[in-house]
Amino acid sequence: MALRILSDPIFYPLQETNQREFTPLDKPRIMYQYYDLNKKAYEIISNTPEIRPERIKYIKGFIERGSYQVKSEEVTQSVINDLCMEQILLKKR
């Protein structure tokens, strides 16, 4: 699965301790930092397995003890989120 960056850079307001205004020369530096962070995030995501055995083992223990509870609202929201994300990714192609 190919991942794409779907957002524009997020600029946070200046902190009170540093009231210097941004200049046109700051934009390339900020953009470089933004893309560098996105590259690192992409590397982490692409190296994370989609199926996590430790999580499966953890949940399986609850199921075997009969104490696993799932809220139907959470399952529904997760399915909707997955479908929406799939549609967004298909439109970006």
PDB file of N, CA and C in Angstrom:
ATOM      1  N   MET A   1       0.841  -1.175   0.000  1.00  0.00           N
ATOM      2  CA  MET A   1       0.000   0.000   0.000  1.00  0.00           C
ATOM      3  C   MET A   1       0.887   1.238   0.000  1.00  0.00           C
ATOM      4  N   ALA A   2       0.647   2.128  -0.904  1.00  0.00           N
ATOM      5  CA  ALA A   2       1.416   3.371  -0.955  1.00  0.00           C
ATOM      6  C   ALA A   2       0.772   4.405  -0.050  1.00  0.00           C
ATOM      7  N   LEU A   3       1.595   5.089   0.710  1.00  0.00           N
ATOM      8  CA  LEU A   3       1.093   6.137   1.588  1.00  0.00           C
ATOM      9  C   LEU A   3       1.354   7.486   0.953  1.00  0.00           C
ATOM     10  N   ARG A   4       0.420   8.373   1.131  1.00  0.00           N
ATOM     11  CA  ARG A   4       0.582   9.724   0.617  1.00  0.00           C
ATOM     12  C   ARG A   4       0.362  10.704   1.756  1.00  0.00           C
ATOM     13  N   ILE A   5       1.051  11.800   1.699  1.00  0.00           N
ATOM     14  CA  ILE A   5       0.855  12.856   2.674  1.00  0.00           C
ATOM     15  C   ILE A   5      -0.357  13.659   2.214  1.00  0.00           C
ATOM     16  N   LEU A   6      -1.395  13.721   3.055  1.00  0.00           N
ATOM     17  CA  LEU A   6      -2.646  14.332   2.651  1.00  0.00           C
ATOM     18  C   LEU A   6      -2.833  15.746   3.180  1.00  0.00           C
ATOM     19  N   SER A   7      -1.923  16.226   3.991  1.00  0.00           N
ATOM     20  CA  SER A   7      -2.153  17.530   4.604  1.00  0.00           C
ATOM     21  C   SER A   7      -1.101  18.538   4.178  1.00  0.00           C
ATOM     22  N   ASP A   8      -1.466  19.776   4.307  1.00  0.00           N
ATOM     23  CA  ASP A   8      -0.518  20.866   4.119  1.00  0.00           C
ATOM     24  C   ASP A   8       0.203  21.087   5.434  1.00  0.00           C
ATOM     25  N   PRO A   9       1.299  21.825   5.411  1.00  0.00           N
ATOM     26  CA  PRO A   9       2.017  22.083   6.665  1.00  0.00           C
ATOM     27  C   PRO A   9       1.126  22.786   7.684  1.00  0.00           C
ATOM     28  N   ILE A  10       1.331  22.459   8.929  1.00  0.00           N
ATOM     29  CA  ILE A  10       0.607  23.102  10.016  1.00  0.00           C
ATOM     30  C   ILE A  10       1.550  24.104  10.656  1.00  0.00           C
ATOM     31  N   PHE A  11       1.152  25.350  10.693  1.00  0.00           N
ATOM     32  CA  PHE A  11       1.961  26.387  11.312  1.00  0.00           C
ATOM     33  C   PHE A  11       1.358  26.734  12.661  1.00  0.00           C
ATOM     34  N   TYR A  12       2.150  26.643  13.691  1.00  0.00           N
ATOM     35  CA  TYR A  12       1.696  26.968  15.032  1.00  0.00           C
ATOM     36  C   TYR A  12       1.994  28.431  15.330  1.00  0.00           C
ATOM     37  N   PRO A  13       1.168  29.072  16.170  1.00  0.00           N
ATOM     38  CA  PRO A  13       1.429  30.475  16.496  1.00  0.00           C
ATOM     39  C   PRO A  13       2.748  30.630  17.242  1.00  0.00           C
ATOM     40  N   LEU A  14       3.318  31.817  17.128  1.00  0.00           N
ATOM     41  CA  LEU A  14       4.567  32.103  17.821  1.00  0.00           C
ATOM     42  C   LEU A  14       4.355  32.046  19.323  1.00  0.00           C
ATOM     43  N   GLN A  15       5.326  31.527  20.023  1.00  0.00           N
ATOM     44  CA  GLN A  15       5.248  31.513  21.478  1.00  0.00           C
ATOM     45  C   GLN A  15       5.540  32.911  21.996  1.00  0.00           C
ATOM     46  N   GLU A  16       5.053  33.200  23.193  1.00  0.00           N
ATOM     47  CA  GLU A  16       5.235  34.536  23.761  1.00  0.00           C
ATOM     48  C   GLU A  16       6.708  34.884  23.937  1.00  0.00           C
ATOM     49  N   THR A  17       7.554  33.900  24.157  1.00  0.00           N
ATOM     50  CA  THR A  17       8.973  34.167  24.386  1.00  0.00           C
ATOM     51  C   THR A  17       9.710  34.537  23.103  1.00  0.00           C
ATOM     52  N   ASN A  18       9.121  34.206  21.951  1.00  0.00           N
ATOM     53  CA  ASN A  18       9.781  34.491  20.677  1.00  0.00           C
ATOM     54  C   ASN A  18       8.774  35.154  19.740  1.00  0.00           C
ATOM     55  N   GLN A  19       8.730  36.454  19.743  1.00  0.00           N
ATOM     56  CA  GLN A  19       7.735  37.188  18.966  1.00  0.00           C
ATOM     57  C   GLN A  19       8.238  37.604  17.583  1.00  0.00           C
ATOM     58  N   ARG A  20       9.373  37.071  17.148  1.00  0.00           N
ATOM     59  CA  ARG A  20       9.918  37.419  15.842  1.00  0.00           C
ATOM     60  C   ARG A  20       8.953  36.966  14.743  1.00  0.00           C
ATOM     61  N   GLU A  21       8.724  37.825  13.786  1.00  0.00           N
ATOM     62  CA  GLU A  21       7.855  37.487  12.662  1.00  0.00           C
ATOM     63  C   GLU A  21       8.613  36.599  11.677  1.00  0.00           C
ATOM     64  N   PHE A  22       7.863  35.797  10.933  1.00  0.00           N
ATOM     65  CA  PHE A  22       8.478  34.985   9.896  1.00  0.00           C
ATOM     66  C   PHE A  22       8.841  35.863   8.709  1.00  0.00           C
ATOM     67  N   THR A  23       9.944  35.554   8.091  1.00  0.00           N
ATOM     68  CA  THR A  23      10.367  36.259   6.882  1.00  0.00           C
ATOM     69  C   THR A  23      10.261  35.292   5.714  1.00  0.00           C
ATOM     70  N   PRO A  24      10.322  35.785   4.481  1.00  0.00           N
ATOM     71  CA  PRO A  24      10.269  34.876   3.327  1.00  0.00           C
ATOM     72  C   PRO A  24      11.379  33.821   3.350  1.00  0.00           C
ATOM     73  N   LEU A  25      12.480  34.115   4.010  1.00  0.00           N
ATOM     74  CA  LEU A  25      13.572  33.141   4.079  1.00  0.00           C
ATOM     75  C   LEU A  25      13.271  32.000   5.044  1.00  0.00           C
ATOM     76  N   ASP A  26      12.303  32.190   5.946  1.00  0.00           N
ATOM     77  CA  ASP A  26      11.949  31.147   6.904  1.00  0.00           C
ATOM     78  C   ASP A  26      11.131  30.031   6.259  1.00  0.00           C
ATOM     79  N   LYS A  27      10.382  30.356   5.214  1.00  0.00           N
ATOM     80  CA  LYS A  27       9.490  29.369   4.610  1.00  0.00           C
ATOM     81  C   LYS A  27      10.231  28.125   4.111  1.00  0.00           C
ATOM     82  N   PRO A  28      11.336  28.247   3.362  1.00  0.00           N
ATOM     83  CA  PRO A  28      12.041  27.026   2.932  1.00  0.00           C
ATOM     84  C   PRO A  28      12.537  26.189   4.116  1.00  0.00           C
ATOM     85  N   ARG A  29      12.977  26.847   5.170  1.00  0.00           N
ATOM     86  CA  ARG A  29      13.461  26.121   6.347  1.00  0.00           C
ATOM     87  C   ARG A  29      12.308  25.361   7.008  1.00  0.00           C
ATOM     88  N   ILE A  30      11.174  26.027   7.139  1.00  0.00           N
ATOM     89  CA  ILE A  30      10.010  25.388   7.754  1.00  0.00           C
ATOM     90  C   ILE A  30       9.531  24.233   6.885  1.00  0.00           C
ATOM     91  N   MET A  31       9.491  24.449   5.564  1.00  0.00           N
ATOM     92  CA  MET A  31       9.047  23.391   4.660  1.00  0.00           C
ATOM     93  C   MET A  31       9.996  22.199   4.710  1.00  0.00           C
ATOM     94  N   TYR A  32      11.285  22.446   4.796  1.00  0.00           N
ATOM     95  CA  TYR A  32      12.252  21.353   4.891  1.00  0.00           C
ATOM     96  C   TYR A  32      12.000  20.555   6.166  1.00  0.00           C
ATOM     97  N   GLN A  33      11.780  21.242   7.282  1.00  0.00           N
ATOM     98  CA  GLN A  33      11.518  20.550   8.548  1.00  0.00           C
ATOM     99  C   GLN A  33      10.224  19.748   8.455  1.00  0.00           C
ATOM    100  N   TYR A  34       9.222  20.323   7.810  1.00  0.00           N
ATOM    101  CA  TYR A  34       7.938  19.645   7.638  1.00  0.00           C
ATOM    102  C   TYR A  34       8.115  18.354   6.841  1.00  0.00           C
ATOM    103  N   TYR A  35       8.785  18.444   5.703  1.00  0.00           N
ATOM    104  CA  TYR A  35       8.976  17.257   4.872  1.00  0.00           C
ATOM    105  C   TYR A  35       9.899  16.244   5.537  1.00  0.00           C
ATOM    106  N   ASP A  36      10.856  16.706   6.304  1.00  0.00           N
ATOM    107  CA  ASP A  36      11.729  15.800   7.038  1.00  0.00           C
ATOM    108  C   ASP A  36      10.923  15.012   8.071  1.00  0.00           C
ATOM    109  N   LEU A  37      10.024  15.688   8.776  1.00  0.00           N
ATOM    110  CA  LEU A  37       9.165  15.001   9.750  1.00  0.00           C
ATOM    111  C   LEU A  37       8.231  14.019   9.053  1.00  0.00           C
ATOM    112  N   ASN A  38       7.675  14.417   7.904  1.00  0.00           N
ATOM    113  CA  ASN A  38       6.803  13.511   7.157  1.00  0.00           C
ATOM    114  C   ASN A  38       7.562  12.285   6.675  1.00  0.00           C
ATOM    115  N   LYS A  39       8.810  12.481   6.256  1.00  0.00           N
ATOM    116  CA  LYS A  39       9.632  11.355   5.806  1.00  0.00           C
ATOM    117  C   LYS A  39       9.864  10.382   6.957  1.00  0.00           C
ATOM    118  N   LYS A  40      10.174  10.922   8.136  1.00  0.00           N
ATOM    119  CA  LYS A  40      10.377  10.063   9.306  1.00  0.00           C
ATOM    120  C   LYS A  40       9.095   9.327   9.668  1.00  0.00           C
ATOM    121  N   ALA A  41       7.958  10.026   9.623  1.00  0.00           N
ATOM    122  CA  ALA A  41       6.672   9.390   9.925  1.00  0.00           C
ATOM    123  C   ALA A  41       6.383   8.279   8.921  1.00  0.00           C
ATOM    124  N   TYR A  42       6.657   8.528   7.645  1.00  0.00           N
ATOM    125  CA  TYR A  42       6.443   7.521   6.613  1.00  0.00           C
ATOM    126  C   TYR A  42       7.298   6.286   6.872  1.00  0.00           C
ATOM    127  N   GLU A  43       8.563   6.490   7.252  1.00  0.00           N
ATOM    128  CA  GLU A  43       9.454   5.367   7.539  1.00  0.00           C
ATOM    129  C   GLU A  43       8.929   4.541   8.710  1.00  0.00           C
ATOM    130  N   ILE A  44       8.456   5.211   9.744  1.00  0.00           N
ATOM    131  CA  ILE A  44       7.922   4.500  10.909  1.00  0.00           C
ATOM    132  C   ILE A  44       6.688   3.706  10.513  1.00  0.00           C
ATOM    133  N   ILE A  45       5.775   4.342   9.777  1.00  0.00           N
ATOM    134  CA  ILE A  45       4.536   3.673   9.375  1.00  0.00           C
ATOM    135  C   ILE A  45       4.826   2.503   8.446  1.00  0.00           C
ATOM    136  N   SER A  46       5.721   2.691   7.484  1.00  0.00           N
ATOM    137  CA  SER A  46       5.995   1.614   6.532  1.00  0.00           C
ATOM    138  C   SER A  46       6.733   0.444   7.174  1.00  0.00           C
ATOM    139  N   ASN A  47       7.420   0.675   8.291  1.00  0.00           N
ATOM    140  CA  ASN A  47       8.120  -0.407   8.982  1.00  0.00           C
ATOM    141  C   ASN A  47       7.291  -1.030  10.100  1.00  0.00           C
ATOM    142  N   THR A  48       6.076  -0.549  10.296  1.00  0.00           N
ATOM    143  CA  THR A  48       5.196  -1.102  11.317  1.00  0.00           C
ATOM    144  C   THR A  48       4.297  -2.135  10.654  1.00  0.00           C
ATOM    145  N   PRO A  49       4.295  -3.361  11.153  1.00  0.00           N
ATOM    146  CA  PRO A  49       3.448  -4.382  10.530  1.00  0.00           C
ATOM    147  C   PRO A  49       1.973  -4.052  10.716  1.00  0.00           C
ATOM    148  N   GLU A  50       1.176  -4.389   9.699  1.00  0.00           N
ATOM    149  CA  GLU A  50      -0.254  -4.124   9.781  1.00  0.00           C
ATOM    150  C   GLU A  50      -0.903  -5.021  10.839  1.00  0.00           C
ATOM    151  N   ILE A  51      -0.396  -6.227  10.973  1.00  0.00           N
ATOM    152  CA  ILE A  51      -0.883  -7.150  12.001  1.00  0.00           C
ATOM    153  C   ILE A  51       0.176  -7.222  13.086  1.00  0.00           C
ATOM    154  N   ARG A  52      -0.226  -6.853  14.305  1.00  0.00           N
ATOM    155  CA  ARG A  52       0.722  -6.831  15.418  1.00  0.00           C
ATOM    156  C   ARG A  52       0.470  -8.045  16.317  1.00  0.00           C
ATOM    157  N   PRO A  53       1.363  -9.038  16.269  1.00  0.00           N
ATOM    158  CA  PRO A  53       1.164 -10.270  17.041  1.00  0.00           C
ATOM    159  C   PRO A  53       0.978 -10.021  18.538  1.00  0.00           C
ATOM    160  N   GLU A  54       1.704  -9.055  19.115  1.00  0.00           N
ATOM    161  CA  GLU A  54       1.571  -8.811  20.552  1.00  0.00           C
ATOM    162  C   GLU A  54       0.181  -8.288  20.897  1.00  0.00           C
ATOM    163  N   ARG A  55      -0.411  -7.504  20.005  1.00  0.00           N
ATOM    164  CA  ARG A  55      -1.763  -6.981  20.239  1.00  0.00           C
ATOM    165  C   ARG A  55      -2.783  -8.105  20.111  1.00  0.00           C
ATOM    166  N   ILE A  56      -2.585  -8.987  19.136  1.00  0.00           N
ATOM    167  CA  ILE A  56      -3.483 -10.128  18.958  1.00  0.00           C
ATOM    168  C   ILE A  56      -3.449 -11.017  20.194  1.00  0.00           C
ATOM    169  N   LYS A  57      -2.259 -11.296  20.703  1.00  0.00           N
ATOM    170  CA  LYS A  57      -2.113 -12.130  21.897  1.00  0.00           C
ATOM    171  C   LYS A  57      -2.808 -11.481  23.093  1.00  0.00           C
ATOM    172  N   TYR A  58      -2.668 -10.164  23.229  1.00  0.00           N
ATOM    173  CA  TYR A  58      -3.276  -9.419  24.332  1.00  0.00           C
ATOM    174  C   TYR A  58      -4.805  -9.528  24.281  1.00  0.00           C
ATOM    175  N   ILE A  59      -5.377  -9.294  23.108  1.00  0.00           N
ATOM    176  CA  ILE A  59      -6.834  -9.348  22.958  1.00  0.00           C
ATOM    177  C   ILE A  59      -7.335 -10.779  23.085  1.00  0.00           C
ATOM    178  N   LYS A  60      -6.579 -11.730  22.552  1.00  0.00           N
ATOM    179  CA  LYS A  60      -6.969 -13.140  22.633  1.00  0.00           C
ATOM    180  C   LYS A  60      -7.100 -13.588  24.085  1.00  0.00           C
ATOM    181  N   GLY A  61      -6.215 -13.083  24.950  1.00  0.00           N
ATOM    182  CA  GLY A  61      -6.294 -13.400  26.375  1.00  0.00           C
ATOM    183  C   GLY A  61      -7.606 -12.942  26.982  1.00  0.00           C
ATOM    184  N   PHE A  62      -8.054 -11.748  26.630  1.00  0.00           N
ATOM    185  CA  PHE A  62      -9.340 -11.248  27.128  1.00  0.00           C
ATOM    186  C   PHE A  62     -10.495 -12.105  26.618  1.00  0.00           C
ATOM    187  N   ILE A  63     -10.434 -12.486  25.340  1.00  0.00           N
ATOM    188  CA  ILE A  63     -11.497 -13.303  24.754  1.00  0.00           C
ATOM    189  C   ILE A  63     -11.573 -14.652  25.457  1.00  0.00           C
ATOM    190  N   GLU A  64     -10.422 -15.280  25.701  1.00  0.00           N
ATOM    191  CA  GLU A  64     -10.398 -16.585  26.362  1.00  0.00           C
ATOM    192  C   GLU A  64     -10.935 -16.508  27.785  1.00  0.00           C
ATOM    193  N   ARG A  65     -10.707 -15.393  28.468  1.00  0.00           N
ATOM    194  CA  ARG A  65     -11.228 -15.218  29.833  1.00  0.00           C
ATOM    195  C   ARG A  65     -12.684 -14.768  29.842  1.00  0.00           C
ATOM    196  N   GLY A  66     -13.201 -14.440  28.670  1.00  0.00           N
ATOM    197  CA  GLY A  66     -14.585 -13.986  28.573  1.00  0.00           C
ATOM    198  C   GLY A  66     -14.785 -12.553  29.039  1.00  0.00           C
ATOM    199  N   SER A  67     -13.720 -11.789  29.070  1.00  0.00           N
ATOM    200  CA  SER A  67     -13.840 -10.416  29.566  1.00  0.00           C
ATOM    201  C   SER A  67     -13.604  -9.366  28.480  1.00  0.00           C
ATOM    202  N   TYR A  68     -13.624  -9.786  27.226  1.00  0.00           N
ATOM    203  CA  TYR A  68     -13.400  -8.831  26.136  1.00  0.00           C
ATOM    204  C   TYR A  68     -14.717  -8.162  25.792  1.00  0.00           C
ATOM    205  N   GLN A  69     -14.745  -6.846  25.895  1.00  0.00           N
ATOM    206  CA  GLN A  69     -15.958  -6.092  25.606  1.00  0.00           C
ATOM    207  C   GLN A  69     -15.653  -5.057  24.527  1.00  0.00           C
ATOM    208  N   VAL A  70     -16.524  -5.008  23.566  1.00  0.00           N
ATOM    209  CA  VAL A  70     -16.366  -4.060  22.473  1.00  0.00           C
ATOM    210  C   VAL A  70     -17.632  -3.218  22.395  1.00  0.00           C
ATOM    211  N   LYS A  71     -17.457  -1.913  22.273  1.00  0.00           N
ATOM    212  CA  LYS A  71     -18.607  -1.026  22.101  1.00  0.00           C
ATOM    213  C   LYS A  71     -18.955  -0.996  20.615  1.00  0.00           C
ATOM    214  N   SER A  72     -20.215  -1.248  20.315  1.00  0.00           N
ATOM    215  CA  SER A  72     -20.635  -1.284  18.912  1.00  0.00           C
ATOM    216  C   SER A  72     -20.397   0.056  18.219  1.00  0.00           C
ATOM    217  N   GLU A  73     -20.486   1.160  18.979  1.00  0.00           N
ATOM    218  CA  GLU A  73     -20.241   2.478  18.392  1.00  0.00           C
ATOM    219  C   GLU A  73     -18.793   2.597  17.901  1.00  0.00           C
ATOM    220  N   GLU A  74     -17.857   2.034  18.664  1.00  0.00           N
ATOM    221  CA  GLU A  74     -16.446   2.098  18.277  1.00  0.00           C
ATOM    222  C   GLU A  74     -16.180   1.270  17.022  1.00  0.00           C
ATOM    223  N   VAL A  75     -16.807   0.095  16.944  1.00  0.00           N
ATOM    224  CA  VAL A  75     -16.639  -0.751  15.762  1.00  0.00           C
ATOM    225  C   VAL A  75     -17.225  -0.045  14.542  1.00  0.00           C
ATOM    226  N   THR A  76     -18.420   0.505  14.699  1.00  0.00           N
ATOM    227  CA  THR A  76     -19.071   1.218  13.600  1.00  0.00           C
ATOM    228  C   THR A  76     -18.220   2.386  13.126  1.00  0.00           C
ATOM    229  N   GLN A  77     -17.714   3.174  14.071  1.00  0.00           N
ATOM    230  CA  GLN A  77     -16.893   4.328  13.704  1.00  0.00           C
ATOM    231  C   GLN A  77     -15.612   3.896  13.001  1.00  0.00           C
ATOM    232  N   SER A  78     -15.020   2.807  13.453  1.00  0.00           N
ATOM    233  CA  SER A  78     -13.800   2.304  12.833  1.00  0.00           C
ATOM    234  C   SER A  78     -14.053   1.867  11.390  1.00  0.00           C
ATOM    235  N   VAL A  79     -15.163   1.184  11.165  1.00  0.00           N
ATOM    236  CA  VAL A  79     -15.511   0.743   9.811  1.00  0.00           C
ATOM    237  C   VAL A  79     -15.746   1.953   8.910  1.00  0.00           C
ATOM    238  N   ILE A  80     -16.472   2.948   9.424  1.00  0.00           N
ATOM    239  CA  ILE A  80     -16.735   4.160   8.643  1.00  0.00           C
ATOM    240  C   ILE A  80     -15.430   4.878   8.319  1.00  0.00           C
ATOM    241  N   ASN A  81     -14.551   5.007   9.309  1.00  0.00           N
ATOM    242  CA  ASN A  81     -13.256   5.662   9.084  1.00  0.00           C
ATOM    243  C   ASN A  81     -12.450   4.945   8.008  1.00  0.00           C
ATOM    244  N   ASP A  82     -12.412   3.613   8.085  1.00  0.00           N
ATOM    245  CA  ASP A  82     -11.669   2.836   7.091  1.00  0.00           C
ATOM    246  C   ASP A  82     -12.236   3.037   5.687  1.00  0.00           C
ATOM    247  N   LEU A  83     -13.565   3.010   5.578  1.00  0.00           N
ATOM    248  CA  LEU A  83     -14.190   3.196   4.268  1.00  0.00           C
ATOM    249  C   LEU A  83     -13.929   4.597   3.715  1.00  0.00           C
ATOM    250  N   CYS A  84     -14.022   5.596   4.577  1.00  0.00           N
ATOM    251  CA  CYS A  84     -13.760   6.975   4.136  1.00  0.00           C
ATOM    252  C   CYS A  84     -12.310   7.134   3.692  1.00  0.00           C
ATOM    253  N   MET A  85     -11.387   6.592   4.456  1.00  0.00           N
ATOM    254  CA  MET A  85      -9.973   6.704   4.100  1.00  0.00           C
ATOM    255  C   MET A  85      -9.696   5.987   2.784  1.00  0.00           C
ATOM    256  N   GLU A  86     -10.328   4.838   2.596  1.00  0.00           N
ATOM    257  CA  GLU A  86     -10.149   4.103   1.343  1.00  0.00           C
ATOM    258  C   GLU A  86     -10.645   4.928   0.161  1.00  0.00           C
ATOM    259  N   GLN A  87     -11.799   5.578   0.324  1.00  0.00           N
ATOM    260  CA  GLN A  87     -12.343   6.415  -0.745  1.00  0.00           C
ATOM    261  C   GLN A  87     -11.436   7.608  -1.038  1.00  0.00           C
ATOM    262  N   ILE A  88     -10.888   8.219   0.007  1.00  0.00           N
ATOM    263  CA  ILE A  88      -9.984   9.355  -0.172  1.00  0.00           C
ATOM    264  C   ILE A  88      -8.747   8.922  -0.950  1.00  0.00           C
ATOM    265  N   LEU A  89      -8.182   7.781  -0.571  1.00  0.00           N
ATOM    266  CA  LEU A  89      -6.976   7.300  -1.246  1.00  0.00           C
ATOM    267  C   LEU A  89      -7.254   6.925  -2.693  1.00  0.00           C
ATOM    268  N   LEU A  90      -8.434   6.364  -2.963  1.00  0.00           N
ATOM    269  CA  LEU A  90      -8.781   6.011  -4.340  1.00  0.00           C
ATOM    270  C   LEU A  90      -8.947   7.258  -5.207  1.00  0.00           C
ATOM    271  N   LYS A  91      -9.496   8.328  -4.639  1.00  0.00           N
ATOM    272  CA  LYS A  91      -9.679   9.572  -5.394  1.00  0.00           C
ATOM    273  C   LYS A  91      -8.354  10.255  -5.685  1.00  0.00           C
ATOM    274  N   LYS A  92      -7.363  10.056  -4.828  1.00  0.00           N
ATOM    275  CA  LYS A  92      -6.063  10.704  -5.003  1.00  0.00           C
ATOM    276  C   LYS A  92      -5.246  10.069  -6.125  1.00  0.00           C
ATOM    277  N   ARG A  93      -5.624   8.880  -6.574  1.00  0.00           N
ATOM    278  CA  ARG A  93      -4.852   8.182  -7.615  1.00  0.00           C
ATOM    279  C   ARG A  93      -5.008   8.805  -8.942  1.00  0.00           C
TER     280      ARG A  93
END
